[in-house]
Amino acid sequence: MDNRRKSLTQEYLKQKVMTASPAELIVILIETCIKNLKLAELYYTEQKNIDKTNSCLLKSQDIIIELINCLDMNISLSSQLLEIYNFLLSSIRKINIKKDFSNMQDLLDILGSMRDTWEHIATSPSASPASSGPSFVSEVG
């Protein structure tokens, strides 16, 4: 039963990603990053499981790198987003090296604000698919 449930969950997520707008894809990425950061902290603080902690932090780093790769640097806002993403990436790497989660809430707050902004963009009636996210993301779906 557990395998069937996992399979259904994976299929649901696959369909969600395949039908998402570019802005919705960014929301999904940020939500996944937040989830992995919270899991990393949980694995470390409650279980002292270094392998799972590392795995979750690396997944979060990969997501931030993907968001960086999505940026269209011809858009002025992209340079500001790049600074934020680089800060997040550097902070996650420091957490992974030092296993110091003292600034984790700051990272979660930043990512939460970004998620909320992209959710607003995704649900805005004036948002068109082409203007709702990075240009190459629309080619994925």
Protein backbone atom coordinates (compact mmCIF):
# COMPACT_ATOMS: atom_id res chain seq x y z
CA MET A 1 0.00 0.00 0.00
CA ASP A 2 2.85 2.39 0.83
CA ASN A 3 4.42 1.93 -2.64
CA ARG A 4 1.08 2.61 -4.32
CA ARG A 5 0.61 5.77 -2.30
CA LYS A 6 4.14 6.92 -3.15
CA SER A 7 3.52 6.18 -6.84
CA LEU A 8 0.28 8.17 -6.83
CA THR A 9 1.99 11.08 -5.10
CA GLN A 10 4.80 11.07 -7.67
CA GLU A 11 2.28 10.95 -10.54
CA TYR A 12 0.34 13.86 -9.03
CA LEU A 13 3.53 15.92 -8.70
CA LYS A 14 4.55 15.05 -12.25
CA GLN A 15 1.18 16.22 -13.58
CA LYS A 16 1.35 19.37 -11.46
CA VAL A 17 4.74 20.26 -12.92
CA MET A 18 3.77 19.40 -16.49
CA THR A 19 0.69 21.66 -16.39
CA ALA A 20 2.21 24.54 -14.39
CA SER A 21 2.87 28.00 -15.77
CA PRO A 22 6.44 29.35 -15.55
CA ALA A 23 5.56 31.30 -12.39
CA GLU A 24 3.92 28.23 -10.86
CA LEU A 25 7.08 26.22 -11.60
CA ILE A 26 9.12 28.76 -9.68
CA VAL A 27 6.67 28.49 -6.77
CA ILE A 28 7.07 24.69 -6.83
CA LEU A 29 10.87 25.02 -6.83
CA ILE A 30 10.88 27.47 -3.93
CA GLU A 31 8.42 25.34 -1.93
CA THR A 32 10.63 22.30 -2.50
CA CYS A 33 13.70 24.27 -1.41
CA ILE A 34 11.91 25.34 1.78
CA LYS A 35 10.83 21.76 2.46
CA ASN A 36 14.38 20.45 2.02
CA LEU A 37 15.85 23.13 4.28
CA LYS A 38 13.36 22.29 7.02
CA LEU A 39 14.06 18.58 6.61
CA ALA A 40 17.81 19.18 6.77
CA GLU A 41 17.45 21.02 10.06
CA LEU A 42 15.16 18.30 11.41
CA TYR A 43 17.51 15.48 10.37
CA TYR A 44 20.44 17.24 12.00
CA THR A 45 18.91 18.56 15.20
CA GLU A 46 16.71 15.58 16.04
CA GLN A 47 18.49 12.61 14.48
CA LYS A 48 22.09 13.80 13.96
CA ASN A 49 21.83 12.13 10.55
CA ILE A 50 24.63 13.82 8.61
CA ASP A 51 23.94 11.97 5.33
CA LYS A 52 20.27 12.95 5.16
CA THR A 53 21.09 16.48 6.31
CA ASN A 54 23.70 16.81 3.57
CA SER A 55 21.36 15.35 0.95
CA CYS A 56 18.59 17.82 1.76
CA LEU A 57 20.97 20.78 1.78
CA LEU A 58 22.47 19.72 -1.57
CA LYS A 59 18.96 19.48 -3.06
CA SER A 60 18.27 23.01 -1.85
CA GLN A 61 21.53 24.21 -3.39
CA ASP A 62 20.61 22.55 -6.69
CA ILE A 63 17.26 24.34 -6.68
CA ILE A 64 18.88 27.73 -6.09
CA ILE A 65 21.38 27.01 -8.87
CA GLU A 66 18.47 26.14 -11.18
CA LEU A 67 16.75 29.42 -10.28
CA ILE A 68 19.99 31.26 -11.08
CA ASN A 69 20.20 29.47 -14.43
CA CYS A 70 16.62 30.57 -15.21
CA LEU A 71 17.44 34.26 -14.95
CA ASP A 72 17.26 36.39 -18.07
CA MET A 73 20.03 38.88 -17.39
CA ASN A 74 18.56 41.26 -20.00
CA ILE A 75 15.85 42.08 -17.46
CA SER A 76 16.97 44.63 -14.85
CA LEU A 77 15.36 42.79 -11.91
CA SER A 78 17.48 39.72 -12.67
CA SER A 79 20.65 41.25 -11.25
CA GLN A 80 18.87 41.86 -7.93
CA LEU A 81 17.47 38.33 -7.93
CA LEU A 82 20.96 37.02 -8.67
CA GLU A 83 22.29 38.76 -5.56
CA ILE A 84 19.54 37.20 -3.44
CA TYR A 85 20.09 33.75 -4.96
CA ASN A 86 23.86 34.01 -4.43
CA PHE A 87 23.28 34.98 -0.79
CA LEU A 88 20.94 32.00 -0.32
CA LEU A 89 23.38 29.64 -2.02
CA SER A 90 26.32 30.87 0.06
CA SER A 91 24.28 30.61 3.26
CA ILE A 92 23.12 27.07 2.51
CA ARG A 93 26.70 26.03 1.77
CA LYS A 94 27.87 27.51 5.09
CA ILE A 95 25.13 25.66 6.93
CA ASN A 96 26.19 22.42 5.26
CA ILE A 97 29.85 22.93 6.12
CA LYS A 98 29.45 24.17 9.70
CA LYS A 99 26.15 22.43 10.55
CA ASP A 100 25.09 25.72 12.13
CA PHE A 101 21.39 26.33 11.61
CA SER A 102 21.25 29.60 13.57
CA ASN A 103 20.34 31.70 10.50
CA MET A 104 17.98 29.12 8.99
CA GLN A 105 14.87 31.13 9.87
CA ASP A 106 16.26 34.12 7.95
CA LEU A 107 16.67 31.95 4.85
CA LEU A 108 13.19 30.50 5.26
CA ASP A 109 11.77 34.02 5.62
CA ILE A 110 13.47 35.18 2.41
CA LEU A 111 12.31 32.11 0.50
CA GLY A 112 8.81 32.45 1.95
CA SER A 113 8.59 36.06 0.74
CA MET A 114 9.83 35.04 -2.69
CA ARG A 115 7.30 32.20 -2.84
CA ASP A 116 4.47 34.55 -1.87
CA THR A 117 5.52 37.04 -4.54
CA TRP A 118 5.63 34.38 -7.26
CA GLU A 119 2.27 32.99 -6.10
CA HIS A 120 0.82 36.47 -6.51
CA ILE A 121 2.34 36.74 -9.98
CA ALA A 122 1.03 33.27 -10.91
CA THR A 123 -2.53 34.13 -9.86
CA SER A 124 -2.56 37.67 -11.22
CA PRO A 125 -5.20 37.99 -13.97
CA SER A 126 -2.89 40.26 -15.98
CA ALA A 127 -0.06 37.73 -15.98
CA SER A 128 0.48 36.08 -19.31
CA PRO A 129 2.48 32.85 -19.64
CA ALA A 130 5.32 34.70 -21.36
CA SER A 131 5.57 37.34 -18.65
CA SER A 132 5.06 35.06 -15.66
CA GLY A 133 8.57 33.78 -15.31
CA PRO A 134 11.96 33.29 -16.88
CA SER A 135 11.82 32.91 -20.63
CA PHE A 136 13.30 29.43 -20.94
CA VAL A 137 10.99 27.98 -18.28
CA SER A 138 8.06 28.29 -20.71
CA GLU A 139 9.88 25.92 -23.05
CA VAL A 140 9.97 23.17 -20.40
CA GLY A 141 6.18 22.61 -20.19
